[in-house]
Amino acid sequence: MPANRRFVSLAEDKGKEHGEGVARWNLSTGGGGLGFRDAAMSAPRILVIINEDWFFRSHFLPWGVAARAAGFDVTLLAARGPASERIEAEGIHVVAAKAARAGLAPKNLVPAARQAIGLIDPGRPTIVHAFGLHGMAIAALARTLSGRFPTVVSVTGLGFLAANGRKLAAGALAFAARAALDGPATVWLTENPSDGPAMGLSRAIKAGRVVQLGGAGVDVTAFSPRAPLARPPMKLALVARMIRSKGVDLAVAAVAQARGQGLDVTLTLIGAGDPRNPRAYTADELAGFAATPGVTMLGARDDVARILAEHHAFILPSRGGEGLPKALLEAAAGGLPAVVTDVPGCREFVRDGETGLVVRADDVAALAEALRRLASADVDAMGLKARARVVDGYSVETVAETVVAAYRRLVAKAGGRG
């Protein structure tokens, strides 16, 4: 396991068995139940605060399932959508959040914070697990209004500090929330070694309250190393939301440049737009991508593993703000090397020249040169090394067990287990 990642360990017995694809997760967590001193005590509650139900479903549902298997009650406070039905099928309660995406102004946060306070059951230990700036802000305000409660904060990247007109306000809010939330009863979960220091968590790091995860984790059984593919052309895949921070425009431009220089390369774009996101590409920009020679746009798909198996490599020229992109982990699990940019999360996961290539951020020429290098590389061997890296520490079981360990740690500190 890489020395620069600090995982909380669970019991030595790590049962790891779960279904594939969209089947229900069956994550076993080592150590058995919680072992309450009072057998009549209600199960501790994990109150998850996140902006969208689909984001929890796509990235963090196995964490909730693992917590349920370990004896926790799990309640999700988020905007309800089609994903809620799937979440509730796992025994997780979904409560429709008030003004979930109405902005981070106090007039929007106060009702949500009061709603969160109402879900904290005084008859049982409750841990609030806040995701991203939205969750942090609500949890911080709830603490201010109601007093301290054990908290887990998932820092899923610092995209809110990316270059946009609201970055100063977002940054100020993030650091105010950090000040309100940090303390002995808080555990911070990060996805790369840069975000903790960037959030001003040096004291928490020294106190051992910052735990670096292997991203959200990936179901390695749902992806298999692809069979060798003939070249040319060299086929690249990019899986992401169609937003500017993912660098989709850079990938399209680099492919166009490389093709203009004689390289036979294609690019497949997989992912939906996000019109409510201020960094989303416009309809005209997306149409321009689709009209670029060598570029195919598939939109959102639920057969990503199959599509990845038809490509030689993955590309994600992120402009930054990532934690550790789940799509990058999935591509590696499928045996694809990756071309990524030198930004937190991506640069730590991809080992330059071994499991992929790392290039300067926001540099189309550097990307095009990397594609030419990749065209003559042994992408099959690189892809197998990438998969081995995922299996060793980035599986969804490993990550979920680490999260449950953080919950257990806070319950024990609160005196809720023997």
Protein backbone atom coordinates (compact mmCIF):
# COMPACT_ATOMS: atom_id res chain seq x y z
CA MET A 1 0.00 0.00 0.00
CA PRO A 2 1.47 3.42 -0.89
CA ALA A 3 3.17 4.99 2.10
CA ASN A 4 1.64 8.43 1.50
CA ARG A 5 -1.90 7.19 2.10
CA ARG A 6 -3.05 6.77 5.67
CA PHE A 7 -5.87 4.30 6.13
CA VAL A 8 -7.70 3.53 9.34
CA SER A 9 -7.53 -0.24 9.79
CA LEU A 10 -10.44 -2.41 10.74
CA ALA A 11 -10.39 -5.89 12.22
CA GLU A 12 -8.07 -8.34 10.51
CA ASP A 13 -10.99 -10.38 9.19
CA LYS A 14 -12.12 -8.55 6.06
CA GLY A 15 -15.03 -10.31 4.40
CA LYS A 16 -15.27 -9.01 0.84
CA GLU A 17 -18.13 -10.19 -1.27
CA HIS A 18 -20.53 -8.12 -3.31
CA GLY A 19 -22.61 -8.30 -6.44
CA GLU A 20 -21.70 -6.97 -9.86
CA GLY A 21 -23.14 -4.18 -11.98
CA VAL A 22 -26.34 -2.75 -10.54
CA ALA A 23 -26.97 -5.67 -8.20
CA ARG A 24 -27.36 -4.83 -4.54
CA TRP A 25 -24.15 -4.38 -2.62
CA ASN A 26 -23.39 -6.95 0.05
CA LEU A 27 -20.38 -5.46 1.80
CA SER A 28 -19.16 -7.27 4.88
CA THR A 29 -17.25 -5.21 7.41
CA GLY A 30 -14.77 -6.88 9.71
CA GLY A 31 -15.29 -6.81 13.44
CA GLY A 32 -18.97 -7.73 13.57
CA GLY A 33 -21.57 -5.45 15.14
CA LEU A 34 -21.07 -2.38 17.25
CA GLY A 35 -21.27 -4.09 20.63
CA PHE A 36 -23.29 -1.53 22.59
CA ARG A 37 -22.99 -1.44 26.34
CA ASP A 38 -26.77 -1.16 26.55
CA ALA A 39 -28.40 -3.77 24.33
CA ALA A 40 -31.58 -1.68 24.29
CA MET A 41 -29.81 1.37 22.87
CA SER A 42 -30.96 2.38 19.41
CA ALA A 43 -28.48 1.83 16.62
CA PRO A 44 -26.27 4.87 16.02
CA ARG A 45 -27.39 7.01 13.12
CA ILE A 46 -25.28 8.24 10.25
CA LEU A 47 -26.89 11.40 8.87
CA VAL A 48 -25.44 11.99 5.40
CA ILE A 49 -25.73 15.54 4.07
CA ILE A 50 -25.04 15.80 0.35
CA ASN A 51 -26.51 18.02 -2.36
CA GLU A 52 -27.80 15.39 -4.80
CA ASP A 53 -29.11 11.84 -4.37
CA TRP A 54 -27.56 10.78 -7.70
CA PHE A 55 -24.10 11.76 -6.50
CA PHE A 56 -24.48 9.55 -3.41
CA ARG A 57 -25.86 6.74 -5.57
CA SER A 58 -23.07 6.89 -8.14
CA HIS A 59 -20.14 7.28 -5.75
CA PHE A 60 -20.96 6.53 -2.12
CA LEU A 61 -23.83 4.04 -1.88
CA PRO A 62 -21.45 1.19 -0.92
CA TRP A 63 -20.35 3.24 2.08
CA GLY A 64 -23.94 3.45 3.30
CA VAL A 65 -24.48 -0.26 2.70
CA ALA A 66 -21.32 -1.10 4.63
CA ALA A 67 -22.45 1.13 7.51
CA ARG A 68 -25.83 -0.63 7.57
CA ALA A 69 -24.10 -4.01 7.65
CA ALA A 70 -22.02 -2.80 10.60
CA GLY A 71 -25.15 -1.96 12.60
CA PHE A 72 -25.69 1.74 11.83
CA ASP A 73 -28.94 3.38 10.81
CA VAL A 74 -28.25 5.53 7.71
CA THR A 75 -30.33 8.55 6.70
CA LEU A 76 -29.62 10.68 3.64
CA LEU A 77 -30.54 14.36 3.46
CA ALA A 78 -30.38 15.37 -0.20
CA ALA A 79 -32.39 16.54 -3.17
CA ARG A 80 -34.69 13.67 -4.10
CA GLY A 81 -34.62 12.34 -7.63
CA PRO A 82 -34.83 9.03 -9.48
CA ALA A 83 -31.78 7.72 -7.59
CA SER A 84 -33.60 7.82 -4.25
CA GLU A 85 -35.61 4.70 -5.01
CA ARG A 86 -32.40 2.74 -5.61
CA ILE A 87 -30.88 4.09 -2.40
CA GLU A 88 -33.95 3.25 -0.34
CA ALA A 89 -33.87 -0.31 -1.71
CA GLU A 90 -30.73 -0.72 0.41
CA GLY A 91 -32.55 0.26 3.59
CA ILE A 92 -31.25 3.83 3.63
CA HIS A 93 -33.81 6.51 4.46
CA VAL A 94 -33.87 9.47 2.05
CA VAL A 95 -35.21 12.80 3.28
CA ALA A 96 -35.87 15.50 0.67
CA ALA A 97 -33.63 18.44 1.50
CA LYS A 98 -35.00 21.96 1.54
CA ALA A 99 -33.42 24.24 -1.08
CA ALA A 100 -30.86 21.56 -1.93
CA ARG A 101 -29.46 23.47 -4.89
CA ALA A 102 -30.76 26.96 -4.17
CA GLY A 103 -27.30 28.30 -3.36
CA LEU A 104 -25.15 28.79 -0.29
CA ALA A 105 -26.62 32.04 0.98
CA PRO A 106 -27.65 32.01 4.68
CA LYS A 107 -31.34 32.28 3.74
CA ASN A 108 -30.98 28.93 1.98
CA LEU A 109 -28.71 27.25 4.52
CA VAL A 110 -30.71 28.01 7.68
CA PRO A 111 -33.79 25.92 6.71
CA ALA A 112 -31.54 23.04 5.66
CA ALA A 113 -29.55 23.25 8.90
CA ARG A 114 -32.73 23.21 10.99
CA GLN A 115 -33.91 20.22 8.97
CA ALA A 116 -30.64 18.43 9.75
CA ILE A 117 -30.98 19.23 13.45
CA GLY A 118 -34.45 17.68 13.41
CA LEU A 119 -32.96 14.43 12.12
CA ILE A 120 -30.48 14.16 14.99
CA ASP A 121 -32.15 11.72 17.38
CA PRO A 122 -31.34 12.53 21.04
CA GLY A 123 -32.09 8.89 21.89
CA ARG A 124 -29.15 7.54 19.91
CA PRO A 125 -25.62 8.56 18.99
CA THR A 126 -25.69 10.45 15.70
CA ILE A 127 -22.76 11.12 13.39
CA VAL A 128 -23.23 13.75 10.69
CA HIS A 129 -21.35 12.91 7.50
CA ALA A 130 -21.06 16.02 5.32
CA PHE A 131 -20.00 15.86 1.68
CA GLY A 132 -18.45 18.77 -0.17
CA LEU A 133 -18.92 22.48 0.44
CA HIS A 134 -22.72 22.18 0.46
CA GLY A 135 -22.71 19.55 3.21
CA MET A 136 -19.98 21.30 5.17
CA ALA A 137 -21.88 24.59 5.22
CA ILE A 138 -25.11 22.97 6.44
CA ALA A 139 -23.32 20.87 9.07
CA ALA A 140 -21.35 23.87 10.31
CA LEU A 141 -24.50 25.96 10.69
CA ALA A 142 -26.31 23.07 12.40
CA ARG A 143 -23.46 22.84 14.89
CA THR A 144 -23.65 26.57 15.53
CA LEU A 145 -27.38 26.39 16.17
CA SER A 146 -27.55 23.17 18.19
CA GLY A 147 -24.19 22.44 19.76
CA ARG A 148 -21.46 19.98 18.85
CA PHE A 149 -22.06 16.51 17.43
CA PRO A 150 -19.60 13.95 16.00
CA THR A 151 -18.87 14.75 12.38
CA VAL A 152 -17.21 13.14 9.38
CA VAL A 153 -16.39 15.50 6.51
CA SER A 154 -15.65 14.18 3.03
CA VAL A 155 -13.52 16.62 1.06
CA THR A 156 -14.33 15.47 -2.46
CA GLY A 157 -11.99 17.92 -4.15
CA LEU A 158 -11.64 21.68 -4.08
CA GLY A 159 -13.61 22.47 -7.21
CA PHE A 160 -15.34 25.31 -5.39
CA LEU A 161 -11.98 27.12 -5.37
CA ALA A 162 -11.62 26.81 -9.16
CA ALA A 163 -11.40 29.95 -11.23
CA ASN A 164 -14.88 31.41 -11.34
CA GLY A 165 -16.57 34.57 -10.20
CA ARG A 166 -17.60 33.05 -6.87
CA LYS A 167 -14.30 31.54 -5.80
CA LEU A 168 -13.51 34.12 -3.09
CA ALA A 169 -16.95 33.75 -1.50
CA ALA A 170 -16.81 29.95 -1.77
CA GLY A 171 -13.32 29.86 -0.29
CA ALA A 172 -14.32 32.09 2.61
CA LEU A 173 -17.36 29.89 3.30
CA ALA A 174 -15.24 26.73 3.17
CA PHE A 175 -12.75 28.01 5.70
CA ALA A 176 -15.48 29.34 7.98
CA ALA A 177 -17.16 25.93 7.86
CA ARG A 178 -13.86 24.22 8.56
CA ALA A 179 -13.34 26.40 11.64
CA ALA A 180 -16.83 25.58 12.91
CA LEU A 181 -16.52 21.85 12.29
CA ASP A 182 -12.97 20.97 13.23
CA GLY A 183 -12.21 19.53 16.64
CA PRO A 184 -11.60 16.25 18.49
CA ALA A 185 -15.04 14.90 17.46
CA THR A 186 -14.41 15.40 13.73
CA VAL A 187 -12.73 13.11 11.19
CA TRP A 188 -11.82 14.50 7.77
CA LEU A 189 -11.76 12.20 4.74
CA THR A 190 -9.67 13.36 1.78
CA GLU A 191 -8.90 11.76 -1.57
CA ASN A 192 -5.41 13.10 -2.23
CA PRO A 193 -2.49 14.47 -0.19
CA SER A 194 -2.99 18.07 -1.33
CA ASP A 195 -6.52 18.85 -0.17
CA GLY A 196 -5.96 18.53 3.59
CA PRO A 197 -3.21 21.17 3.73
CA ALA A 198 -5.10 23.33 1.22
CA MET A 199 -8.09 23.29 3.57
CA GLY A 200 -5.92 24.42 6.48
CA LEU A 201 -6.13 21.08 8.29
CA SER A 202 -2.54 20.94 9.54
CA ARG A 203 -3.60 20.53 13.19
CA ALA A 204 -6.08 17.80 12.30
CA ILE A 205 -3.40 16.04 10.24
CA LYS A 206 -0.98 16.08 13.18
CA ALA A 207 -3.74 14.78 15.46
CA GLY A 208 -4.45 11.86 13.14
CA ARG A 209 -7.97 13.07 12.30
CA VAL A 210 -7.39 13.32 8.55
CA VAL A 211 -7.71 10.04 6.68
CA GLN A 212 -6.78 9.78 3.00
CA LEU A 213 -9.02 7.39 1.08
CA GLY A 214 -8.59 5.68 -2.24
CA GLY A 215 -11.23 7.97 -3.70
CA ALA A 216 -14.79 6.70 -3.56
CA GLY A 217 -13.49 3.22 -4.36
CA VAL A 218 -14.32 1.08 -7.35
CA ASP A 219 -16.00 -2.30 -7.78
CA VAL A 220 -13.07 -4.14 -9.32
CA THR A 221 -15.25 -7.17 -10.09
CA ALA A 222 -17.39 -5.10 -12.46
CA PHE A 223 -14.38 -4.39 -14.67
CA SER A 224 -12.05 -6.87 -16.34
CA PRO A 225 -8.74 -6.25 -18.10
CA ARG A 226 -9.65 -5.76 -21.74
CA ALA A 227 -8.42 -8.05 -24.47
CA PRO A 228 -5.60 -6.68 -26.66
CA LEU A 229 -6.91 -4.38 -29.39
CA ALA A 230 -5.41 -3.80 -32.81
CA ARG A 231 -3.88 -0.41 -33.64
CA PRO A 232 -4.27 1.93 -35.45
CA PRO A 233 -6.41 3.74 -34.74
CA MET A 234 -5.57 4.39 -31.11
CA LYS A 235 -8.90 4.69 -29.34
CA LEU A 236 -9.24 7.01 -26.34
CA ALA A 237 -12.18 7.25 -23.95
CA LEU A 238 -13.14 10.12 -21.65
CA VAL A 239 -15.83 9.53 -19.03
CA ALA A 240 -16.97 12.62 -17.14
CA ARG A 241 -19.70 15.14 -16.69
CA MET A 242 -19.53 17.62 -19.53
CA ILE A 243 -18.19 20.51 -17.47
CA ARG A 244 -15.22 22.76 -18.11
CA SER A 245 -13.17 21.64 -15.11
CA LYS A 246 -12.90 18.15 -16.63
CA GLY A 247 -10.99 19.54 -19.62
CA VAL A 248 -13.16 17.93 -22.29
CA ASP A 249 -12.38 20.80 -24.66
CA LEU A 250 -8.66 20.19 -24.13
CA ALA A 251 -9.00 16.50 -25.01
CA VAL A 252 -10.93 17.33 -28.19
CA ALA A 253 -8.38 19.96 -29.21
CA ALA A 254 -5.43 17.63 -28.50
CA VAL A 255 -6.95 14.84 -30.60
CA ALA A 256 -7.61 17.29 -33.43
CA GLN A 257 -4.02 18.52 -33.24
CA ALA A 258 -2.56 15.01 -33.14
CA ARG A 259 -4.70 13.94 -36.09
CA GLY A 260 -3.54 16.99 -37.99
CA GLN A 261 0.02 15.84 -37.41
CA GLY A 262 -0.72 12.41 -38.86
CA LEU A 263 -1.59 10.35 -35.78
CA ASP A 264 -4.53 7.97 -36.28
CA VAL A 265 -6.38 8.53 -33.00
CA THR A 266 -10.06 8.75 -32.01
CA LEU A 267 -11.85 10.00 -28.92
CA THR A 268 -15.13 8.79 -27.40
CA LEU A 269 -16.87 11.11 -24.93
CA ILE A 270 -19.15 9.45 -22.36
CA GLY A 271 -21.13 11.51 -19.90
CA ALA A 272 -24.08 13.81 -19.49
CA GLY A 273 -24.20 17.57 -19.46
CA ASP A 274 -25.03 19.44 -16.26
CA PRO A 275 -26.93 22.57 -17.29
CA ARG A 276 -27.36 23.73 -13.69
CA ASN A 277 -23.60 23.75 -13.18
CA PRO A 278 -22.03 27.17 -13.87
CA ARG A 279 -19.03 25.41 -15.42
CA ALA A 280 -21.09 23.35 -17.87
CA TYR A 281 -20.35 23.46 -21.59
CA THR A 282 -22.99 25.15 -23.68
CA ALA A 283 -25.11 23.24 -26.18
CA ASP A 284 -23.15 24.89 -28.99
CA GLU A 285 -19.84 23.80 -27.48
CA LEU A 286 -21.04 20.22 -27.13
CA ALA A 287 -22.24 20.26 -30.72
CA GLY A 288 -18.81 21.50 -31.75
CA PHE A 289 -17.15 18.59 -29.97
CA ALA A 290 -19.44 16.11 -31.72
CA ALA A 291 -18.66 17.67 -35.11
CA THR A 292 -14.88 17.36 -34.65
CA PRO A 293 -13.37 14.65 -36.90
CA GLY A 294 -12.44 11.56 -34.90
CA VAL A 295 -14.67 12.48 -31.93
CA THR A 296 -17.81 10.53 -30.96
CA MET A 297 -20.22 11.64 -28.23
CA LEU A 298 -22.29 8.93 -26.54
CA GLY A 299 -23.87 10.92 -23.71
CA ALA A 300 -24.70 9.25 -20.42
CA ARG A 301 -24.40 5.46 -20.52
CA ASP A 302 -24.90 2.63 -18.06
CA ASP A 303 -22.57 0.22 -19.87
CA VAL A 304 -19.32 2.06 -19.21
CA ALA A 305 -17.35 -1.12 -18.48
CA ARG A 306 -18.21 -2.52 -21.90
CA ILE A 307 -17.38 0.74 -23.66
CA LEU A 308 -14.04 1.10 -21.90
CA ALA A 309 -13.11 -2.43 -23.02
CA GLU A 310 -13.30 -1.18 -26.62
CA HIS A 311 -10.61 1.47 -26.08
CA HIS A 312 -6.85 1.48 -25.69
CA ALA A 313 -6.53 4.23 -23.10
CA PHE A 314 -8.37 6.76 -20.94
CA ILE A 315 -7.85 10.52 -21.02
CA LEU A 316 -8.84 13.12 -18.43
CA PRO A 317 -7.11 16.51 -18.84
CA SER A 318 -8.63 17.96 -15.67
CA ARG A 319 -8.10 21.62 -14.86
CA GLY A 320 -8.04 20.81 -11.16
CA GLY A 321 -10.45 20.68 -8.27
CA GLU A 322 -10.63 16.87 -8.35
CA GLY A 323 -10.51 14.68 -5.28
CA LEU A 324 -9.72 11.44 -7.08
CA PRO A 325 -11.99 10.94 -10.12
CA LYS A 326 -13.96 7.72 -9.90
CA ALA A 327 -13.92 7.42 -13.70
CA LEU A 328 -10.12 7.29 -13.55
CA LEU A 329 -10.29 4.39 -11.08
CA GLU A 330 -12.85 2.57 -13.22
CA ALA A 331 -10.73 2.92 -16.33
CA ALA A 332 -7.70 1.55 -14.48
CA ALA A 333 -9.83 -1.34 -13.17
CA GLY A 334 -10.67 -2.07 -16.80
CA GLY A 335 -6.98 -2.29 -17.67
CA LEU A 336 -6.64 1.08 -19.40
CA PRO A 337 -3.63 3.35 -18.92
CA ALA A 338 -4.53 7.03 -18.55
CA VAL A 339 -3.32 10.36 -19.82
CA VAL A 340 -4.00 12.93 -17.09
CA THR A 341 -2.86 16.37 -16.06
CA ASP A 342 -0.58 17.40 -13.22
CA VAL A 343 -3.36 18.26 -10.75
CA PRO A 344 -4.10 16.84 -7.27
CA GLY A 345 -5.65 13.39 -7.30
CA CYS A 346 -4.81 12.58 -10.90
CA ARG A 347 -1.06 13.06 -10.56
CA GLU A 348 -0.83 10.91 -7.43
CA PHE A 349 -2.78 8.00 -8.88
CA VAL A 350 -1.18 7.79 -12.33
CA ARG A 351 2.47 6.79 -12.27
CA ASP A 352 4.02 8.61 -15.20
CA GLY A 353 5.44 6.19 -17.77
CA GLU A 354 4.22 3.14 -15.83
CA THR A 355 0.42 3.25 -15.58
CA GLY A 356 -0.10 6.22 -17.89
CA LEU A 357 1.23 9.67 -18.68
CA VAL A 358 1.06 12.92 -16.67
CA VAL A 359 1.28 16.23 -18.54
CA ARG A 360 1.05 19.93 -17.76
CA ALA A 361 -2.44 21.19 -17.06
CA ASP A 362 -4.28 23.30 -19.62
CA ASP A 363 -1.70 22.59 -22.35
CA VAL A 364 -3.11 21.21 -25.61
CA ALA A 365 0.33 20.83 -27.22
CA ALA A 366 1.59 18.77 -24.27
CA LEU A 367 -1.49 16.56 -24.48
CA ALA A 368 -1.01 15.99 -28.21
CA GLU A 369 2.62 15.07 -27.61
CA ALA A 370 1.54 12.61 -24.90
CA LEU A 371 -0.83 10.97 -27.38
CA ARG A 372 2.04 10.49 -29.81
CA ARG A 373 4.11 8.90 -27.03
CA LEU A 374 1.23 6.65 -26.06
CA ALA A 375 0.79 5.49 -29.65
CA SER A 376 4.19 3.77 -29.52
CA ALA A 377 3.92 2.52 -25.93
CA ASP A 378 2.89 -0.92 -24.67
CA VAL A 379 -0.55 0.16 -23.54
CA ASP A 380 -1.57 -3.38 -22.61
CA ALA A 381 1.27 -3.74 -20.10
CA MET A 382 0.62 -0.26 -18.72
CA GLY A 383 -3.05 -1.07 -18.33
CA LEU A 384 -2.37 -4.25 -16.36
CA LYS A 385 -0.17 -2.26 -13.97
CA ALA A 386 -2.94 0.30 -13.63
CA ARG A 387 -5.43 -2.42 -12.68
CA ALA A 388 -3.03 -3.90 -10.13
CA ARG A 389 -2.75 -0.46 -8.55
CA VAL A 390 -6.53 -0.19 -8.19
CA VAL A 391 -6.88 -3.65 -6.68
CA ASP A 392 -4.17 -2.80 -4.12
CA GLY A 393 -5.94 -0.19 -2.02
CA TYR A 394 -8.60 1.45 -4.19
CA SER A 395 -11.35 -1.20 -4.17
CA VAL A 396 -14.75 -0.18 -2.86
CA GLU A 397 -14.45 -2.74 -0.04
CA THR A 398 -11.20 -1.24 1.23
CA VAL A 399 -12.54 2.30 1.11
CA ALA A 400 -15.92 1.44 2.65
CA GLU A 401 -14.24 -0.41 5.50
CA THR A 402 -12.08 2.63 6.17
CA VAL A 403 -15.14 4.88 6.33
CA VAL A 404 -16.93 2.51 8.71
CA ALA A 405 -13.79 2.48 10.88
CA ALA A 406 -14.06 6.27 11.14
CA TYR A 407 -17.70 5.94 12.24
CA ARG A 408 -16.78 3.33 14.84
CA ARG A 409 -13.99 5.55 16.12
CA LEU A 410 -16.37 8.44 16.73
CA VAL A 411 -19.04 6.25 18.34
CA ALA A 412 -16.41 4.82 20.69
CA LYS A 413 -15.22 8.31 21.64
CA ALA A 414 -18.82 9.24 22.40
CA GLY A 415 -19.15 6.20 24.68
CA GLY A 416 -21.66 4.41 22.47
CA ARG A 417 -19.85 1.07 22.28
CA GLY A 418 -18.07 -1.25 24.62
